[in-house]
Amino acid sequence: MTMLIAMDDPRRDDVLAVLRTHWAFAQENTPPEDVHALDLDGLLDPSVTFFSARRGDELVGIGALKRLDPSHAELKSMHTVATARGSGVGRAMVEHLLAFARDQGVARVSLETGATESFAPARALYARAGFVECEPFGDYVPSRNSTFMTRTVSPTART
């Protein structure tokens, strides 16, 4: 079945269920001071564009892009439901978010993810999409619990 990625409302019941799983994972695998997952209010901020990935009526993943300034955005709230992992949902969402950023005139997309083994699949996904480790950006501070990654986005960049 074809997957459709589109802007969505994070207040929808099925999206909230996935967000609860996302938030729980972050809290179970990261010390409280280093949990940077956006809460619902954060996802509703005008600087954030929220997307869902669906196969038919089934929600299979979520992701968001937060505009930090006119040329820099942050990838946020990436989560693939357990039953869809390994099927390309995460990669498709990253590619969609990068294309959206490019269309919005963003030159760089960065992200923060966990540094522990629990986050190794996420770090590998981002590395395959061209992200490289970087220094903390925005309001982040160095932490042994965080990995910061970035990549340029331009009409000639490869995704």
N, C-alpha and C. Protein backbone atom coordinates (compact mmCIF):
# COMPACT_ATOMS: atom_id res chain seq x y z
N MET A 1 0.84 -1.17 0.00
CA MET A 1 0.00 0.00 0.00
C MET A 1 0.89 1.24 0.00
N THR A 2 0.51 2.25 -0.74
CA THR A 2 1.27 3.48 -0.86
C THR A 2 1.21 4.28 0.43
N MET A 3 2.34 4.89 0.77
CA MET A 3 2.39 5.72 1.96
C MET A 3 2.22 7.18 1.55
N LEU A 4 1.44 7.92 2.32
CA LEU A 4 1.23 9.34 2.09
C LEU A 4 1.75 10.11 3.30
N ILE A 5 2.64 11.07 3.05
CA ILE A 5 3.12 11.95 4.10
C ILE A 5 2.51 13.32 3.85
N ALA A 6 1.86 13.87 4.87
CA ALA A 6 1.18 15.16 4.72
C ALA A 6 1.17 15.89 6.06
N MET A 7 0.97 17.21 5.99
CA MET A 7 0.81 17.99 7.22
C MET A 7 -0.38 17.43 7.99
N ASP A 8 -0.26 17.46 9.31
CA ASP A 8 -1.31 16.88 10.13
C ASP A 8 -1.42 17.67 11.43
N ASP A 9 -2.44 17.35 12.19
CA ASP A 9 -2.71 17.99 13.47
C ASP A 9 -2.25 17.04 14.58
N PRO A 10 -1.29 17.45 15.41
CA PRO A 10 -0.81 16.55 16.47
C PRO A 10 -1.85 16.27 17.55
N ARG A 11 -3.00 16.93 17.49
CA ARG A 11 -4.07 16.69 18.47
C ARG A 11 -5.00 15.54 18.07
N ARG A 12 -4.82 15.00 16.85
CA ARG A 12 -5.66 13.87 16.44
C ARG A 12 -5.41 12.68 17.37
N ASP A 13 -6.46 11.91 17.63
CA ASP A 13 -6.35 10.81 18.59
C ASP A 13 -5.23 9.82 18.25
N ASP A 14 -5.15 9.38 16.99
CA ASP A 14 -4.12 8.39 16.66
C ASP A 14 -2.73 8.99 16.72
N VAL A 15 -2.60 10.27 16.37
CA VAL A 15 -1.31 10.95 16.46
C VAL A 15 -0.90 11.10 17.92
N LEU A 16 -1.84 11.49 18.77
CA LEU A 16 -1.53 11.62 20.20
C LEU A 16 -1.05 10.30 20.79
N ALA A 17 -1.63 9.19 20.36
CA ALA A 17 -1.20 7.88 20.86
C ALA A 17 0.26 7.62 20.49
N VAL A 18 0.65 7.95 19.25
CA VAL A 18 2.04 7.77 18.83
C VAL A 18 2.95 8.75 19.58
N LEU A 19 2.49 9.97 19.75
CA LEU A 19 3.29 10.94 20.51
C LEU A 19 3.50 10.48 21.95
N ARG A 20 2.50 9.89 22.55
CA ARG A 20 2.67 9.37 23.92
C ARG A 20 3.75 8.30 23.96
N THR A 21 3.77 7.44 22.96
CA THR A 21 4.82 6.41 22.88
C THR A 21 6.18 7.07 22.69
N HIS A 22 6.24 8.08 21.83
CA HIS A 22 7.48 8.82 21.57
C HIS A 22 8.00 9.47 22.85
N TRP A 23 7.11 10.16 23.57
CA TRP A 23 7.50 10.83 24.81
C TRP A 23 7.94 9.82 25.87
N ALA A 24 7.23 8.71 25.97
CA ALA A 24 7.60 7.68 26.95
C ALA A 24 8.97 7.10 26.65
N PHE A 25 9.26 6.83 25.37
CA PHE A 25 10.57 6.32 24.99
C PHE A 25 11.66 7.31 25.39
N ALA A 26 11.45 8.58 25.10
CA ALA A 26 12.44 9.61 25.44
C ALA A 26 12.67 9.64 26.95
N GLN A 27 11.60 9.58 27.73
CA GLN A 27 11.73 9.67 29.18
C GLN A 27 12.34 8.41 29.78
N GLU A 28 12.10 7.25 29.16
CA GLU A 28 12.66 6.00 29.68
C GLU A 28 14.14 5.84 29.34
N ASN A 29 14.61 6.52 28.29
CA ASN A 29 15.97 6.30 27.80
C ASN A 29 16.89 7.51 27.94
N THR A 30 16.41 8.57 28.57
CA THR A 30 17.19 9.80 28.70
C THR A 30 16.93 10.43 30.06
N PRO A 31 17.98 10.94 30.72
CA PRO A 31 17.75 11.65 31.97
C PRO A 31 16.83 12.86 31.73
N PRO A 32 16.01 13.21 32.71
CA PRO A 32 15.01 14.28 32.51
C PRO A 32 15.59 15.58 31.96
N GLU A 33 16.79 15.96 32.41
CA GLU A 33 17.36 17.24 31.96
C GLU A 33 17.76 17.22 30.48
N ASP A 34 17.81 16.05 29.88
CA ASP A 34 18.21 15.93 28.48
C ASP A 34 17.11 15.42 27.56
N VAL A 35 15.87 15.40 28.04
CA VAL A 35 14.74 15.06 27.18
C VAL A 35 14.32 16.34 26.45
N HIS A 36 14.51 16.33 25.14
CA HIS A 36 14.22 17.52 24.34
C HIS A 36 13.04 17.32 23.39
N ALA A 37 12.27 16.26 23.60
CA ALA A 37 11.09 16.02 22.76
C ALA A 37 10.07 17.13 23.01
N LEU A 38 9.51 17.67 21.94
CA LEU A 38 8.50 18.72 22.07
C LEU A 38 7.21 18.14 22.65
N ASP A 39 6.63 18.86 23.60
CA ASP A 39 5.31 18.47 24.10
C ASP A 39 4.27 18.98 23.11
N LEU A 40 3.00 18.75 23.42
CA LEU A 40 1.94 19.13 22.48
C LEU A 40 1.95 20.64 22.21
N ASP A 41 2.12 21.44 23.25
CA ASP A 41 2.18 22.89 23.03
C ASP A 41 3.33 23.25 22.10
N GLY A 42 4.47 22.60 22.29
CA GLY A 42 5.62 22.85 21.43
C GLY A 42 5.34 22.49 19.98
N LEU A 43 4.63 21.40 19.76
CA LEU A 43 4.30 20.98 18.40
C LEU A 43 3.27 21.89 17.74
N LEU A 44 2.49 22.61 18.56
CA LEU A 44 1.49 23.53 18.03
C LEU A 44 2.05 24.93 17.80
N ASP A 45 3.30 25.15 18.18
CA ASP A 45 3.93 26.45 17.98
C ASP A 45 3.97 26.79 16.49
N PRO A 46 3.76 28.04 16.13
CA PRO A 46 3.77 28.42 14.70
C PRO A 46 5.10 28.14 13.99
N SER A 47 6.20 27.99 14.73
CA SER A 47 7.49 27.70 14.11
C SER A 47 7.63 26.23 13.71
N VAL A 48 6.65 25.41 14.09
CA VAL A 48 6.71 23.96 13.85
C VAL A 48 5.69 23.55 12.81
N THR A 49 6.14 22.74 11.85
CA THR A 49 5.23 22.12 10.88
C THR A 49 5.25 20.63 11.16
N PHE A 50 4.10 20.06 11.43
CA PHE A 50 3.97 18.66 11.85
C PHE A 50 3.43 17.83 10.70
N PHE A 51 4.00 16.62 10.52
CA PHE A 51 3.59 15.72 9.45
C PHE A 51 3.29 14.34 10.01
N SER A 52 2.41 13.63 9.31
CA SER A 52 2.18 12.22 9.61
C SER A 52 2.39 11.42 8.33
N ALA A 53 2.75 10.16 8.52
CA ALA A 53 2.87 9.21 7.41
C ALA A 53 1.78 8.17 7.61
N ARG A 54 1.00 7.93 6.57
CA ARG A 54 -0.11 6.99 6.65
C ARG A 54 -0.10 6.04 5.46
N ARG A 55 -0.45 4.82 5.75
CA ARG A 55 -0.73 3.81 4.71
C ARG A 55 -2.21 3.54 4.83
N GLY A 56 -2.95 4.09 3.88
CA GLY A 56 -4.41 4.03 4.02
C GLY A 56 -4.81 4.84 5.24
N ASP A 57 -5.60 4.25 6.11
CA ASP A 57 -6.01 4.93 7.34
C ASP A 57 -5.06 4.69 8.50
N GLU A 58 -4.02 3.89 8.29
CA GLU A 58 -3.10 3.53 9.37
C GLU A 58 -1.97 4.53 9.50
N LEU A 59 -1.84 5.11 10.68
CA LEU A 59 -0.74 6.01 10.98
C LEU A 59 0.51 5.16 11.22
N VAL A 60 1.57 5.41 10.45
CA VAL A 60 2.79 4.61 10.58
C VAL A 60 3.99 5.42 11.05
N GLY A 61 3.88 6.75 11.04
CA GLY A 61 5.00 7.55 11.51
C GLY A 61 4.65 9.02 11.60
N ILE A 62 5.50 9.74 12.33
CA ILE A 62 5.34 11.18 12.48
C ILE A 62 6.70 11.85 12.39
N GLY A 63 6.68 13.14 12.14
CA GLY A 63 7.90 13.94 12.13
C GLY A 63 7.52 15.41 12.04
N ALA A 64 8.45 16.26 12.43
CA ALA A 64 8.17 17.70 12.40
C ALA A 64 9.43 18.46 12.05
N LEU A 65 9.23 19.67 11.60
CA LEU A 65 10.33 20.56 11.30
C LEU A 65 10.08 21.87 12.05
N LYS A 66 11.05 22.29 12.84
CA LYS A 66 10.94 23.52 13.62
C LYS A 66 11.88 24.56 13.01
N ARG A 67 11.35 25.67 12.62
CA ARG A 67 12.15 26.74 12.03
C ARG A 67 12.88 27.46 13.15
N LEU A 68 14.22 27.47 13.11
CA LEU A 68 15.02 28.15 14.11
C LEU A 68 15.31 29.59 13.71
N ASP A 69 15.56 29.79 12.43
CA ASP A 69 15.74 31.12 11.86
C ASP A 69 15.48 30.98 10.37
N PRO A 70 15.58 32.05 9.58
CA PRO A 70 15.22 31.93 8.16
C PRO A 70 15.99 30.88 7.37
N SER A 71 17.20 30.54 7.79
CA SER A 71 17.99 29.59 7.01
C SER A 71 18.29 28.27 7.73
N HIS A 72 17.79 28.10 8.95
CA HIS A 72 18.12 26.92 9.76
C HIS A 72 16.85 26.35 10.39
N ALA A 73 16.68 25.04 10.25
CA ALA A 73 15.53 24.35 10.85
C ALA A 73 16.02 23.12 11.60
N GLU A 74 15.17 22.64 12.49
CA GLU A 74 15.49 21.47 13.29
C GLU A 74 14.48 20.37 13.05
N LEU A 75 14.97 19.18 12.82
CA LEU A 75 14.11 18.00 12.68
C LEU A 75 13.68 17.60 14.09
N LYS A 76 12.38 17.40 14.31
CA LYS A 76 11.83 17.09 15.62
C LYS A 76 10.81 15.96 15.52
N SER A 77 10.58 15.30 16.67
CA SER A 77 9.47 14.37 16.86
C SER A 77 9.39 13.25 15.83
N MET A 78 10.55 12.76 15.39
CA MET A 78 10.55 11.61 14.47
C MET A 78 10.20 10.35 15.25
N HIS A 79 9.20 9.62 14.76
CA HIS A 79 8.85 8.35 15.39
C HIS A 79 8.12 7.48 14.37
N THR A 80 8.55 6.24 14.28
CA THR A 80 7.88 5.24 13.45
C THR A 80 7.23 4.23 14.38
N VAL A 81 5.96 3.89 14.13
CA VAL A 81 5.28 2.91 14.98
C VAL A 81 5.99 1.56 14.88
N ALA A 82 5.96 0.81 15.96
CA ALA A 82 6.72 -0.44 16.04
C ALA A 82 6.42 -1.40 14.90
N THR A 83 5.16 -1.51 14.51
CA THR A 83 4.78 -2.47 13.46
C THR A 83 5.27 -2.07 12.07
N ALA A 84 5.71 -0.81 11.91
CA ALA A 84 6.17 -0.33 10.60
C ALA A 84 7.69 -0.15 10.53
N ARG A 85 8.39 -0.44 11.62
CA ARG A 85 9.84 -0.25 11.62
C ARG A 85 10.50 -1.19 10.61
N GLY A 86 11.51 -0.66 9.95
CA GLY A 86 12.24 -1.44 8.94
C GLY A 86 11.58 -1.43 7.57
N SER A 87 10.49 -0.69 7.42
CA SER A 87 9.77 -0.68 6.14
C SER A 87 10.00 0.60 5.34
N GLY A 88 10.92 1.46 5.80
CA GLY A 88 11.23 2.67 5.06
C GLY A 88 10.47 3.91 5.49
N VAL A 89 9.66 3.81 6.53
CA VAL A 89 8.88 4.96 6.98
C VAL A 89 9.80 6.08 7.46
N GLY A 90 10.78 5.76 8.30
CA GLY A 90 11.69 6.77 8.83
C GLY A 90 12.45 7.47 7.73
N ARG A 91 13.00 6.69 6.81
CA ARG A 91 13.75 7.29 5.71
C ARG A 91 12.85 8.19 4.85
N ALA A 92 11.64 7.73 4.56
CA ALA A 92 10.71 8.54 3.77
C ALA A 92 10.37 9.84 4.49
N MET A 93 10.18 9.78 5.81
CA MET A 93 9.86 10.98 6.57
C MET A 93 11.04 11.95 6.55
N VAL A 94 12.26 11.46 6.77
CA VAL A 94 13.43 12.33 6.73
C VAL A 94 13.54 12.99 5.36
N GLU A 95 13.39 12.22 4.29
CA GLU A 95 13.47 12.79 2.95
C GLU A 95 12.38 13.84 2.72
N HIS A 96 11.18 13.57 3.22
CA HIS A 96 10.08 14.52 3.08
C HIS A 96 10.40 15.82 3.84
N LEU A 97 10.89 15.70 5.07
CA LEU A 97 11.20 16.88 5.86
C LEU A 97 12.33 17.70 5.22
N LEU A 98 13.33 17.01 4.66
CA LEU A 98 14.41 17.73 3.98
C LEU A 98 13.90 18.45 2.74
N ALA A 99 13.03 17.81 1.98
CA ALA A 99 12.46 18.44 0.78
C ALA A 99 11.60 19.63 1.18
N PHE A 100 10.82 19.48 2.24
CA PHE A 100 9.99 20.59 2.73
C PHE A 100 10.89 21.76 3.15
N ALA A 101 11.96 21.46 3.88
CA ALA A 101 12.89 22.50 4.31
C ALA A 101 13.48 23.22 3.10
N ARG A 102 13.91 22.45 2.13
CA ARG A 102 14.48 23.02 0.90
C ARG A 102 13.47 23.94 0.23
N ASP A 103 12.23 23.49 0.13
CA ASP A 103 11.18 24.30 -0.50
C ASP A 103 10.89 25.59 0.28
N GLN A 104 11.17 25.58 1.57
CA GLN A 104 10.96 26.75 2.41
C GLN A 104 12.17 27.67 2.44
N GLY A 105 13.22 27.33 1.68
CA GLY A 105 14.41 28.17 1.61
C GLY A 105 15.41 27.94 2.72
N VAL A 106 15.26 26.85 3.45
CA VAL A 106 16.19 26.52 4.53
C VAL A 106 17.50 26.02 3.93
N ALA A 107 18.62 26.47 4.49
CA ALA A 107 19.93 26.05 4.01
C ALA A 107 20.54 24.93 4.84
N ARG A 108 20.10 24.81 6.11
CA ARG A 108 20.66 23.80 6.99
C ARG A 108 19.58 23.22 7.88
N VAL A 109 19.62 21.90 8.05
CA VAL A 109 18.71 21.20 8.97
C VAL A 109 19.58 20.48 9.99
N SER A 110 19.25 20.66 11.26
CA SER A 110 20.00 20.03 12.34
C SER A 110 19.04 19.22 13.20
N LEU A 111 19.60 18.43 14.09
CA LEU A 111 18.78 17.63 14.99
C LEU A 111 19.56 17.28 16.24
N GLU A 112 18.82 16.93 17.27
CA GLU A 112 19.37 16.39 18.50
C GLU A 112 18.70 15.05 18.72
N THR A 113 19.51 14.04 19.03
CA THR A 113 18.97 12.73 19.37
C THR A 113 19.80 12.17 20.50
N GLY A 114 19.35 11.07 21.06
CA GLY A 114 20.07 10.48 22.18
C GLY A 114 21.41 9.89 21.78
N ALA A 115 22.31 9.82 22.76
CA ALA A 115 23.65 9.29 22.53
C ALA A 115 23.80 7.84 22.96
N THR A 116 22.78 7.29 23.63
CA THR A 116 22.89 5.92 24.14
C THR A 116 22.56 4.89 23.05
N GLU A 117 22.78 3.65 23.36
CA GLU A 117 22.53 2.56 22.41
C GLU A 117 21.06 2.52 21.97
N SER A 118 20.15 2.93 22.82
CA SER A 118 18.72 2.93 22.47
C SER A 118 18.44 3.80 21.25
N PHE A 119 19.28 4.79 21.01
CA PHE A 119 19.08 5.72 19.90
C PHE A 119 19.97 5.40 18.69
N ALA A 120 20.70 4.29 18.75
CA ALA A 120 21.60 3.93 17.64
C ALA A 120 20.86 3.81 16.31
N PRO A 121 19.67 3.19 16.25
CA PRO A 121 18.96 3.13 14.97
C PRO A 121 18.63 4.52 14.41
N ALA A 122 18.26 5.45 15.28
CA ALA A 122 17.96 6.81 14.82
C ALA A 122 19.23 7.46 14.27
N ARG A 123 20.34 7.35 15.00
CA ARG A 123 21.59 7.96 14.54
C ARG A 123 22.01 7.37 13.20
N ALA A 124 21.83 6.07 13.02
CA ALA A 124 22.19 5.43 11.75
C ALA A 124 21.30 5.93 10.62
N LEU A 125 20.01 6.08 10.88
CA LEU A 125 19.09 6.61 9.88
C LEU A 125 19.53 8.00 9.44
N TYR A 126 19.82 8.86 10.39
CA TYR A 126 20.21 10.22 10.07
C TYR A 126 21.54 10.25 9.31
N ALA A 127 22.48 9.42 9.71
CA ALA A 127 23.77 9.36 9.00
C ALA A 127 23.56 8.92 7.55
N ARG A 128 22.70 7.95 7.33
CA ARG A 128 22.42 7.50 5.95
C ARG A 128 21.77 8.60 5.13
N ALA A 129 21.08 9.53 5.80
CA ALA A 129 20.43 10.64 5.11
C ALA A 129 21.37 11.84 4.94
N GLY A 130 22.63 11.67 5.30
CA GLY A 130 23.61 12.73 5.07
C GLY A 130 23.91 13.63 6.25
N PHE A 131 23.35 13.35 7.40
CA PHE A 131 23.64 14.15 8.58
C PHE A 131 24.99 13.74 9.16
N VAL A 132 25.72 14.71 9.66
CA VAL A 132 27.00 14.47 10.32
C VAL A 132 26.96 15.09 11.70
N GLU A 133 27.75 14.55 12.61
CA GLU A 133 27.77 15.10 13.97
C GLU A 133 28.30 16.52 13.95
N CYS A 134 27.77 17.33 14.87
CA CYS A 134 28.14 18.74 14.97
C CYS A 134 28.11 19.17 16.43
N GLU A 135 28.48 20.40 16.65
CA GLU A 135 28.39 21.00 17.98
C GLU A 135 26.92 21.31 18.29
N PRO A 136 26.59 21.52 19.57
CA PRO A 136 25.23 21.93 19.90
C PRO A 136 24.85 23.20 19.15
N PHE A 137 23.59 23.34 18.83
CA PHE A 137 23.08 24.48 18.08
C PHE A 137 21.89 25.05 18.84
N GLY A 138 21.44 26.22 18.42
CA GLY A 138 20.28 26.83 19.07
C GLY A 138 20.52 27.00 20.56
N ASP A 139 19.56 26.56 21.37
CA ASP A 139 19.65 26.70 22.82
C ASP A 139 20.24 25.47 23.50
N TYR A 140 20.68 24.48 22.73
CA TYR A 140 21.25 23.27 23.32
C TYR A 140 22.61 23.55 23.94
N VAL A 141 22.94 22.76 24.94
CA VAL A 141 24.26 22.80 25.56
C VAL A 141 24.88 21.41 25.43
N PRO A 142 26.21 21.32 25.47
CA PRO A 142 26.84 20.00 25.37
C PRO A 142 26.33 19.06 26.46
N SER A 143 26.14 17.81 26.09
CA SER A 143 25.68 16.79 27.04
C SER A 143 26.14 15.43 26.55
N ARG A 144 26.58 14.59 27.49
CA ARG A 144 26.99 13.22 27.11
C ARG A 144 25.78 12.38 26.69
N ASN A 145 24.56 12.87 26.96
CA ASN A 145 23.35 12.14 26.61
C ASN A 145 22.77 12.53 25.25
N SER A 146 23.38 13.51 24.60
CA SER A 146 22.86 14.01 23.33
C SER A 146 23.89 13.87 22.22
N THR A 147 23.38 13.58 21.03
CA THR A 147 24.17 13.64 19.80
C THR A 147 23.53 14.71 18.93
N PHE A 148 24.34 15.63 18.45
CA PHE A 148 23.87 16.70 17.58
C PHE A 148 24.36 16.40 16.17
N MET A 149 23.48 16.58 15.20
CA MET A 149 23.81 16.29 13.81
C MET A 149 23.25 17.40 12.92
N THR A 150 23.86 17.59 11.77
CA THR A 150 23.42 18.62 10.85
C THR A 150 23.74 18.23 9.42
N ARG A 151 23.10 18.90 8.49
CA ARG A 151 23.42 18.75 7.07
C ARG A 151 22.91 19.98 6.33
N THR A 152 23.57 20.27 5.23
CA THR A 152 23.12 21.38 4.40
C THR A 152 21.99 20.88 3.51
N VAL A 153 21.18 21.83 3.11
CA VAL A 153 20.05 21.55 2.23
C VAL A 153 20.08 22.61 1.15
N SER A 154 20.19 22.17 -0.09
CA SER A 154 20.17 23.12 -1.21
C SER A 154 19.69 22.38 -2.45
N PRO A 155 19.36 23.10 -3.49
CA PRO A 155 18.90 22.43 -4.70
C PRO A 155 19.88 21.41 -5.26
N THR A 156 21.16 21.57 -4.94
CA THR A 156 22.15 20.63 -5.46
C THR A 156 22.56 19.57 -4.45
N ALA A 157 22.05 19.66 -3.21
CA ALA A 157 22.41 18.68 -2.19
C ALA A 157 21.73 17.35 -2.49
N ARG A 158 22.40 16.28 -2.18
CA ARG A 158 21.81 14.94 -2.37
C ARG A 158 21.15 14.51 -1.08
N THR A 159 19.99 13.86 -1.20
CA THR A 159 19.30 13.34 -0.02
C THR A 159 19.29 11.84 -0.06
